[in-house]
N, C-alpha and C. Protein backbone atom coordinates (compact mmCIF):
# COMPACT_ATOMS: atom_id res chain seq x y z
N UNK A 1 0.85 -1.17 0.07
CA UNK A 1 0.00 -0.02 0.05
C UNK A 1 0.80 1.28 -0.06
N UNK A 2 0.33 2.17 -0.76
CA UNK A 2 1.04 3.40 -0.82
C UNK A 2 0.39 4.56 0.38
N UNK A 3 1.07 5.55 0.49
CA UNK A 3 0.76 6.55 1.58
C UNK A 3 -0.67 7.04 1.39
N UNK A 4 -1.09 7.18 0.15
CA UNK A 4 -2.53 7.60 0.00
C UNK A 4 -3.60 6.60 0.18
N UNK A 5 -3.20 5.30 0.00
CA UNK A 5 -4.17 4.11 0.26
C UNK A 5 -4.16 3.88 1.68
N UNK A 6 -3.02 4.10 2.41
CA UNK A 6 -3.01 4.03 3.97
C UNK A 6 -3.95 4.96 4.52
N UNK A 7 -3.71 6.36 4.09
CA UNK A 7 -4.61 7.48 4.61
C UNK A 7 -6.10 7.10 4.38
N UNK A 8 -6.49 6.57 3.29
CA UNK A 8 -7.88 6.39 2.99
C UNK A 8 -8.37 5.20 3.87
N UNK A 9 -7.53 4.16 3.94
CA UNK A 9 -7.82 2.98 4.83
C UNK A 9 -8.11 3.64 6.31
N UNK A 10 -7.19 4.40 6.70
CA UNK A 10 -7.22 4.95 8.14
C UNK A 10 -8.56 5.69 8.37
N UNK A 11 -8.84 6.46 7.32
CA UNK A 11 -10.05 7.28 7.54
C UNK A 11 -11.41 6.29 7.57
N UNK A 12 -11.36 5.25 6.78
CA UNK A 12 -12.44 4.47 6.67
C UNK A 12 -12.60 3.63 7.96
N UNK A 13 -11.44 3.08 8.58
CA UNK A 13 -11.61 2.35 9.74
C UNK A 13 -11.81 3.20 10.89
N UNK A 14 -11.16 4.32 10.96
CA UNK A 14 -11.67 5.17 12.12
C UNK A 14 -13.09 5.44 12.16
N UNK A 15 -13.72 5.79 11.05
CA UNK A 15 -15.09 6.01 10.94
C UNK A 15 -15.90 4.85 11.18
N UNK A 16 -15.52 3.75 10.70
CA UNK A 16 -16.27 2.49 11.01
C UNK A 16 -16.26 2.17 12.46
N UNK A 17 -15.22 2.42 13.12
CA UNK A 17 -15.22 2.04 14.63
C UNK A 17 -15.93 3.17 15.31
N UNK A 18 -15.91 4.47 14.91
CA UNK A 18 -16.68 5.56 15.49
C UNK A 18 -18.09 5.27 15.41
N UNK A 19 -18.51 4.83 14.18
CA UNK A 19 -20.10 4.60 14.13
C UNK A 19 -20.43 3.50 14.90
N UNK A 20 -19.60 2.45 15.21
CA UNK A 20 -19.91 1.30 16.00
C UNK A 20 -20.18 1.90 17.48
N UNK A 21 -19.32 2.86 17.92
CA UNK A 21 -19.52 3.41 19.27
C UNK A 21 -20.73 4.22 19.18
N UNK A 22 -20.85 5.18 18.23
CA UNK A 22 -21.99 6.14 18.13
C UNK A 22 -23.25 5.41 18.26
N UNK A 23 -23.52 4.28 17.51
CA UNK A 23 -24.77 3.55 17.51
C UNK A 23 -24.88 2.66 18.73
N UNK A 24 -23.76 2.48 19.61
CA UNK A 24 -23.89 1.68 20.77
C UNK A 24 -24.28 2.53 21.97
N UNK A 25 -24.40 3.83 21.83
CA UNK A 25 -24.81 4.80 22.87
C UNK A 25 -26.19 4.85 22.94
N UNK A 26 -26.80 4.49 24.27
CA UNK A 26 -28.28 4.40 24.33
C UNK A 26 -28.70 5.99 24.29
N UNK A 27 -30.02 6.09 23.93
CA UNK A 27 -30.63 7.33 23.75
C UNK A 27 -30.46 8.30 25.03
N UNK A 28 -30.65 7.70 26.09
CA UNK A 28 -30.55 8.37 27.37
C UNK A 28 -29.06 8.79 27.68
N UNK A 29 -28.08 8.09 27.33
CA UNK A 29 -26.72 8.46 27.48
C UNK A 29 -26.20 9.50 26.55
N UNK A 30 -26.81 9.66 25.41
CA UNK A 30 -26.34 10.48 24.37
C UNK A 30 -26.17 11.86 24.89
N UNK A 31 -27.12 12.30 25.86
CA UNK A 31 -27.21 13.67 26.35
C UNK A 31 -26.35 13.92 27.55
N UNK A 32 -25.83 12.75 28.15
CA UNK A 32 -25.05 12.95 29.41
C UNK A 32 -23.59 13.51 29.16
N UNK A 33 -23.15 14.25 30.00
CA UNK A 33 -21.76 14.83 29.91
C UNK A 33 -21.15 14.81 31.39
N UNK A 34 -19.91 14.54 31.37
CA UNK A 34 -19.33 14.43 32.67
C UNK A 34 -19.28 15.68 33.58
N UNK A 35 -19.37 16.80 33.04
CA UNK A 35 -19.33 18.13 33.72
C UNK A 35 -19.93 19.19 32.83
N UNK A 36 -20.28 20.31 33.35
CA UNK A 36 -21.10 21.32 32.62
C UNK A 36 -20.25 21.87 31.52
N UNK A 37 -18.82 21.79 31.47
CA UNK A 37 -18.11 22.40 30.45
C UNK A 37 -17.76 21.35 29.29
N UNK A 38 -18.14 20.10 29.56
CA UNK A 38 -17.75 19.09 28.48
C UNK A 38 -18.93 18.99 27.55
N UNK A 39 -18.61 18.30 26.36
CA UNK A 39 -19.60 18.09 25.38
C UNK A 39 -20.36 16.91 25.72
N UNK A 40 -21.75 16.80 25.43
CA UNK A 40 -22.41 15.55 25.61
C UNK A 40 -22.09 14.53 24.56
N UNK A 41 -22.40 13.34 24.65
CA UNK A 41 -22.24 12.38 23.47
C UNK A 41 -22.75 12.93 22.13
N UNK A 42 -23.92 13.38 22.24
CA UNK A 42 -24.50 13.85 20.86
C UNK A 42 -23.73 15.12 20.26
N UNK A 43 -23.34 16.00 21.20
CA UNK A 43 -22.49 17.09 20.82
C UNK A 43 -21.25 16.63 20.24
N UNK A 44 -20.60 15.66 20.80
CA UNK A 44 -19.21 15.21 20.36
C UNK A 44 -19.33 14.51 19.11
N UNK A 45 -20.46 13.79 18.79
CA UNK A 45 -20.52 13.14 17.56
C UNK A 45 -20.76 14.17 16.40
N UNK A 46 -21.65 15.22 16.73
CA UNK A 46 -21.83 16.30 15.80
C UNK A 46 -20.45 17.14 15.54
N UNK A 47 -19.71 17.33 16.60
CA UNK A 47 -18.43 18.03 16.53
C UNK A 47 -17.38 17.22 15.63
N UNK A 48 -17.36 15.91 15.68
CA UNK A 48 -16.52 15.13 14.85
C UNK A 48 -16.99 15.34 13.43
N UNK A 49 -18.30 15.19 13.14
CA UNK A 49 -18.86 15.20 11.77
C UNK A 49 -18.58 16.57 11.20
N UNK A 50 -18.79 17.74 11.93
CA UNK A 50 -18.60 19.02 11.45
C UNK A 50 -17.11 19.37 11.28
N UNK A 51 -16.33 18.78 12.13
CA UNK A 51 -14.93 19.13 12.11
C UNK A 51 -14.39 18.57 10.80
N UNK A 52 -14.79 17.37 10.46
CA UNK A 52 -14.29 16.92 9.18
C UNK A 52 -14.72 17.84 8.04
N UNK A 53 -15.86 18.16 8.03
CA UNK A 53 -16.38 19.25 6.94
C UNK A 53 -15.44 20.49 6.99
N UNK A 54 -15.21 20.99 8.18
CA UNK A 54 -14.40 22.18 8.36
C UNK A 54 -12.95 22.05 7.87
N UNK A 55 -12.37 20.78 8.25
CA UNK A 55 -10.98 20.52 7.65
C UNK A 55 -11.03 20.40 6.25
N UNK A 56 -12.06 19.95 5.62
CA UNK A 56 -12.20 19.86 4.17
C UNK A 56 -12.10 21.26 3.49
N UNK A 57 -12.94 22.06 4.18
CA UNK A 57 -12.88 23.55 3.66
C UNK A 57 -11.50 24.25 3.85
N UNK A 58 -10.86 23.93 5.01
CA UNK A 58 -9.62 24.56 5.29
C UNK A 58 -8.53 24.06 4.11
N UNK A 59 -8.46 22.72 3.85
CA UNK A 59 -7.69 22.16 2.79
C UNK A 59 -7.97 22.79 1.46
N UNK A 60 -9.16 22.92 1.01
CA UNK A 60 -9.58 23.41 -0.12
C UNK A 60 -9.18 25.00 -0.36
N UNK A 61 -9.03 25.59 0.75
CA UNK A 61 -8.73 27.05 0.81
C UNK A 61 -7.31 27.34 1.31
N UNK A 62 -6.50 26.29 1.18
CA UNK A 62 -5.01 26.44 1.61
C UNK A 62 -4.82 27.04 2.90
N UNK A 63 -5.64 26.45 3.95
CA UNK A 63 -5.38 26.81 5.23
C UNK A 63 -6.26 27.89 5.93
N UNK A 64 -7.16 28.61 4.98
CA UNK A 64 -7.91 29.70 5.60
C UNK A 64 -9.31 29.19 5.86
N UNK A 65 -9.74 29.34 7.04
CA UNK A 65 -11.10 28.95 7.51
C UNK A 65 -12.02 30.19 7.19
N UNK A 66 -11.55 31.39 7.64
CA UNK A 66 -12.60 32.61 7.23
C UNK A 66 -13.74 32.49 8.22
N UNK A 67 -14.83 32.84 7.76
CA UNK A 67 -16.06 32.87 8.41
C UNK A 67 -16.82 31.58 8.13
N UNK A 68 -16.16 30.55 7.52
CA UNK A 68 -16.92 29.34 7.16
C UNK A 68 -17.57 28.74 8.51
N UNK A 69 -18.75 28.20 8.16
CA UNK A 69 -19.63 27.39 9.22
C UNK A 69 -20.03 26.19 8.49
N UNK A 70 -19.82 25.13 9.30
CA UNK A 70 -20.44 23.76 8.74
C UNK A 70 -21.85 23.73 8.43
N UNK A 71 -22.29 23.30 7.29
CA UNK A 71 -23.67 23.22 7.06
C UNK A 71 -24.51 22.27 8.05
N UNK A 72 -23.82 21.58 8.77
CA UNK A 72 -24.50 20.55 9.79
C UNK A 72 -24.70 21.40 11.10
N UNK A 73 -24.12 22.62 11.31
CA UNK A 73 -24.23 23.36 12.44
C UNK A 73 -25.71 23.49 13.04
N UNK A 74 -26.54 24.00 12.10
CA UNK A 74 -27.94 24.32 12.52
C UNK A 74 -28.90 23.23 12.53
N UNK A 75 -28.46 21.91 12.15
CA UNK A 75 -29.38 20.88 12.21
C UNK A 75 -29.76 20.68 13.58
N UNK A 76 -30.99 20.30 13.76
CA UNK A 76 -31.53 19.81 15.09
C UNK A 76 -30.99 18.48 15.48
N UNK A 77 -30.71 18.34 16.77
CA UNK A 77 -30.23 16.93 17.18
C UNK A 77 -31.56 15.95 17.07
N UNK A 78 -31.39 15.00 16.34
CA UNK A 78 -32.58 14.09 16.36
C UNK A 78 -32.04 12.58 16.72
N UNK A 79 -31.42 11.91 15.72
CA UNK A 79 -30.87 10.50 15.97
C UNK A 79 -29.50 10.44 15.54
N UNK A 80 -28.68 9.46 16.06
CA UNK A 80 -27.36 9.14 15.59
C UNK A 80 -27.49 8.75 14.11
N UNK A 81 -28.42 8.17 13.75
CA UNK A 81 -28.65 7.81 12.30
C UNK A 81 -28.75 9.03 11.40
N UNK A 82 -29.65 9.90 11.84
CA UNK A 82 -29.71 11.18 11.14
C UNK A 82 -28.33 11.96 11.05
N UNK A 83 -27.58 11.95 12.15
CA UNK A 83 -26.44 12.67 12.06
C UNK A 83 -25.43 12.12 10.91
N UNK A 84 -25.46 10.77 11.06
CA UNK A 84 -24.63 10.04 10.08
C UNK A 84 -24.95 10.22 8.51
N UNK A 85 -26.34 10.20 8.44
CA UNK A 85 -26.95 10.47 7.08
C UNK A 85 -26.81 11.72 6.45
N UNK A 86 -26.90 12.82 7.49
CA UNK A 86 -26.77 14.13 7.11
C UNK A 86 -25.42 14.62 6.69
N UNK A 87 -24.44 13.84 7.42
CA UNK A 87 -22.98 14.24 7.16
C UNK A 87 -22.49 13.42 5.98
N UNK A 88 -23.13 12.30 5.41
CA UNK A 88 -22.62 11.43 4.45
C UNK A 88 -22.16 12.21 3.12
N UNK A 89 -23.12 13.04 2.57
CA UNK A 89 -22.59 13.70 1.32
C UNK A 89 -21.45 14.56 1.51
N UNK A 90 -21.15 15.10 2.59
CA UNK A 90 -19.90 15.81 2.92
C UNK A 90 -18.78 14.88 3.10
N UNK A 91 -19.01 13.77 3.80
CA UNK A 91 -17.95 12.82 3.80
C UNK A 91 -17.48 12.22 2.51
N UNK A 92 -18.46 12.11 1.64
CA UNK A 92 -18.13 11.53 0.34
C UNK A 92 -17.29 12.54 -0.56
N UNK A 93 -17.65 13.81 -0.43
CA UNK A 93 -16.79 14.90 -0.89
C UNK A 93 -15.44 14.85 -0.46
N UNK A 94 -15.26 14.66 0.87
CA UNK A 94 -14.01 14.88 1.55
C UNK A 94 -13.21 13.60 1.15
N UNK A 95 -13.76 12.50 1.02
CA UNK A 95 -12.91 11.34 0.59
C UNK A 95 -12.60 11.38 -0.81
N UNK A 96 -13.50 11.90 -1.72
CA UNK A 96 -13.20 12.12 -3.14
C UNK A 96 -11.88 13.08 -3.18
N UNK A 97 -11.90 14.00 -2.44
CA UNK A 97 -10.76 15.01 -2.38
C UNK A 97 -9.42 14.35 -2.02
N UNK A 98 -9.53 13.55 -0.93
CA UNK A 98 -8.36 12.82 -0.61
C UNK A 98 -7.93 11.76 -1.69
N UNK A 99 -8.90 11.18 -2.38
CA UNK A 99 -8.46 10.21 -3.49
C UNK A 99 -7.85 11.02 -4.64
N UNK A 100 -7.99 12.36 -4.66
CA UNK A 100 -7.61 13.06 -5.88
C UNK A 100 -6.06 13.52 -5.64
N UNK A 101 -5.65 13.46 -4.43
CA UNK A 101 -4.23 13.99 -4.25
C UNK A 101 -3.31 12.88 -4.70
N UNK A 102 -2.23 13.37 -5.33
CA UNK A 102 -1.13 12.54 -5.68
C UNK A 102 -0.24 12.44 -4.43
N UNK A 103 0.77 11.31 -4.60
CA UNK A 103 1.59 11.23 -3.50
C UNK A 103 2.44 12.37 -3.38
N UNK A 104 2.86 12.98 -4.41
CA UNK A 104 3.69 14.15 -4.42
C UNK A 104 3.00 15.25 -3.62
N UNK A 105 1.70 15.48 -3.84
CA UNK A 105 1.05 16.53 -3.21
C UNK A 105 1.03 16.31 -1.67
N UNK A 106 0.83 15.08 -1.36
CA UNK A 106 0.83 14.75 0.15
C UNK A 106 2.11 15.03 0.77
N UNK A 107 3.23 14.99 0.13
CA UNK A 107 4.55 15.49 0.65
C UNK A 107 4.81 16.80 0.45
N UNK A 108 4.34 17.48 -0.67
CA UNK A 108 5.06 18.77 -1.09
C UNK A 108 4.09 19.96 -0.75
N UNK A 109 2.69 19.64 -0.68
CA UNK A 109 1.90 20.78 -0.42
C UNK A 109 1.74 20.88 1.23
N UNK A 110 1.65 22.12 1.61
CA UNK A 110 1.56 22.55 3.05
C UNK A 110 0.23 23.31 3.31
N UNK A 111 -0.26 22.93 4.43
CA UNK A 111 -1.47 23.66 4.92
C UNK A 111 -0.88 24.67 6.06
N UNK A 112 -1.10 25.85 5.75
CA UNK A 112 -0.70 26.76 6.75
C UNK A 112 -1.85 27.45 7.31
N UNK A 113 -2.06 27.42 8.64
CA UNK A 113 -3.05 28.02 9.31
C UNK A 113 -2.44 29.13 10.22
N UNK A 114 -2.36 30.38 9.70
CA UNK A 114 -1.61 31.50 10.46
C UNK A 114 -2.27 31.66 11.85
N UNK A 115 -3.58 31.67 11.89
CA UNK A 115 -4.22 32.03 13.21
C UNK A 115 -3.93 31.00 14.29
N UNK A 116 -3.49 29.76 13.91
CA UNK A 116 -3.12 28.76 14.83
C UNK A 116 -1.56 28.59 14.90
N UNK A 117 -0.83 29.38 14.08
CA UNK A 117 0.62 29.11 13.97
C UNK A 117 1.01 27.74 13.54
N UNK A 118 0.31 27.11 12.61
CA UNK A 118 0.45 25.77 12.15
C UNK A 118 0.95 25.69 10.76
N UNK A 119 1.91 24.97 10.45
CA UNK A 119 2.33 24.66 9.03
C UNK A 119 2.59 23.17 9.03
N UNK A 120 1.73 22.39 8.26
CA UNK A 120 1.77 21.03 8.25
C UNK A 120 1.87 20.51 6.75
N UNK A 121 2.56 19.44 6.46
CA UNK A 121 2.39 18.86 5.11
C UNK A 121 1.08 18.33 5.09
N UNK A 122 0.45 18.18 3.75
CA UNK A 122 -0.76 17.82 3.61
C UNK A 122 -1.09 16.53 4.05
N UNK A 123 -0.20 15.58 3.89
CA UNK A 123 -0.30 14.16 4.41
C UNK A 123 -0.35 14.10 5.85
N UNK A 124 0.36 14.89 6.59
CA UNK A 124 0.37 14.97 8.05
C UNK A 124 -0.92 15.68 8.47
N UNK A 125 -1.46 16.72 7.76
CA UNK A 125 -2.61 17.39 8.20
C UNK A 125 -3.89 16.37 8.04
N UNK A 126 -3.87 15.49 6.93
CA UNK A 126 -4.94 14.60 6.80
C UNK A 126 -4.83 13.49 7.96
N UNK A 127 -3.65 13.14 8.31
CA UNK A 127 -3.65 12.16 9.32
C UNK A 127 -4.23 12.69 10.78
N UNK A 128 -3.84 13.89 10.95
CA UNK A 128 -4.46 14.53 12.24
C UNK A 128 -5.89 14.59 12.18
N UNK A 129 -6.60 14.69 11.04
CA UNK A 129 -8.04 14.77 11.03
C UNK A 129 -8.52 13.38 11.50
N UNK A 130 -8.04 12.22 11.03
CA UNK A 130 -8.36 10.97 11.51
C UNK A 130 -8.13 10.85 13.01
N UNK A 131 -7.05 11.29 13.38
CA UNK A 131 -6.57 11.22 14.73
C UNK A 131 -7.63 11.92 15.68
N UNK A 132 -8.08 13.15 15.33
CA UNK A 132 -8.98 13.98 16.06
C UNK A 132 -10.22 13.03 16.21
N UNK A 133 -10.77 12.49 15.19
CA UNK A 133 -11.94 11.65 15.43
C UNK A 133 -11.65 10.56 16.32
N UNK A 134 -10.62 9.76 16.16
CA UNK A 134 -10.17 8.64 16.95
C UNK A 134 -10.13 9.10 18.55
N UNK A 135 -9.56 10.22 18.87
CA UNK A 135 -9.46 10.69 20.17
C UNK A 135 -10.93 10.97 20.89
N UNK A 136 -11.80 11.66 20.03
CA UNK A 136 -13.25 11.61 20.51
C UNK A 136 -14.08 10.25 20.61
N UNK A 137 -13.60 9.43 19.81
CA UNK A 137 -14.18 8.03 19.98
C UNK A 137 -13.76 7.56 21.36
N UNK A 138 -12.38 7.67 21.56
CA UNK A 138 -11.92 7.18 22.90
C UNK A 138 -12.61 7.98 24.00
N UNK A 139 -12.99 9.23 23.92
CA UNK A 139 -13.69 9.88 24.99
C UNK A 139 -15.00 9.26 25.17
N UNK A 140 -15.79 8.97 24.01
CA UNK A 140 -17.07 8.45 24.26
C UNK A 140 -17.03 7.18 24.89
N UNK A 141 -16.16 6.37 24.64
CA UNK A 141 -15.88 5.11 25.32
C UNK A 141 -15.69 5.26 26.76
N UNK A 142 -14.89 6.27 27.08
CA UNK A 142 -14.68 6.61 28.55
C UNK A 142 -16.04 7.12 29.11
N UNK A 143 -16.81 7.94 28.36
CA UNK A 143 -18.15 8.32 28.92
C UNK A 143 -18.87 7.00 29.36
N UNK A 144 -18.94 6.05 28.34
CA UNK A 144 -19.64 4.84 28.55
C UNK A 144 -19.17 4.06 29.85
N UNK A 145 -17.87 3.96 29.98
CA UNK A 145 -17.24 3.23 31.06
C UNK A 145 -17.89 3.98 32.39
N UNK A 146 -17.71 5.34 32.45
CA UNK A 146 -18.15 6.13 33.44
C UNK A 146 -19.58 5.82 33.88
N UNK A 147 -20.26 5.85 32.95
CA UNK A 147 -21.88 5.55 33.07
C UNK A 147 -22.12 4.13 33.38
N UNK A 148 -21.14 3.28 33.26
CA UNK A 148 -21.38 1.82 33.53
C UNK A 148 -22.21 1.22 32.38
N UNK A 149 -22.20 1.82 31.33
CA UNK A 149 -23.01 1.24 30.21
C UNK A 149 -22.17 0.41 29.27
N UNK A 150 -22.85 -0.46 28.61
CA UNK A 150 -22.07 -1.42 27.64
C UNK A 150 -21.23 -0.64 26.72
N UNK A 151 -20.05 -1.15 26.46
CA UNK A 151 -19.11 -0.43 25.44
C UNK A 151 -18.99 -1.31 24.21
N UNK A 152 -19.16 -0.85 23.02
CA UNK A 152 -19.00 -1.70 21.88
C UNK A 152 -17.51 -1.97 21.72
N UNK A 153 -17.35 -3.22 21.12
CA UNK A 153 -15.85 -3.74 20.92
C UNK A 153 -15.39 -3.06 19.64
N UNK A 154 -14.54 -2.21 19.68
CA UNK A 154 -14.00 -1.67 18.53
C UNK A 154 -12.53 -2.37 18.17
N UNK A 155 -12.21 -3.36 18.87
CA UNK A 155 -10.99 -4.10 18.51
C UNK A 155 -11.28 -5.30 17.78
N UNK A 156 -11.87 -5.24 16.58
CA UNK A 156 -12.19 -6.48 15.91
C UNK A 156 -11.08 -6.80 14.89
């Protein structure tokens, strides 16, 4: 496998495991949060889906976010299934973009976010997007442990 194929596999595997966790959270647990400043499970799922869309915008605009707001932001919270379904068209566009990059671009293109004082190779930036999702999936598993709720097995 080359670097691009590994990136795509990583995105697909992280999302597959995230969805397993998301769908494994009971409706009553979705709104729980460990403290007033934390995100609820539902908010965290939305945050992950919105963030991927925002990162897509940042990459397309060479590191500039501007006043961009994810089209998912104003959707009402309904069900996990609806969250996944509403985000799917944006997910497909994002993955199509990743598929379009050459190996040279992954190495030579830089994403510079001046407001964050970040400058990363495109390949590195893409890895961090999947890492962001994986971290939040781990947080949700910890929420479930704290609640003494069943936790889906993501280690298949």
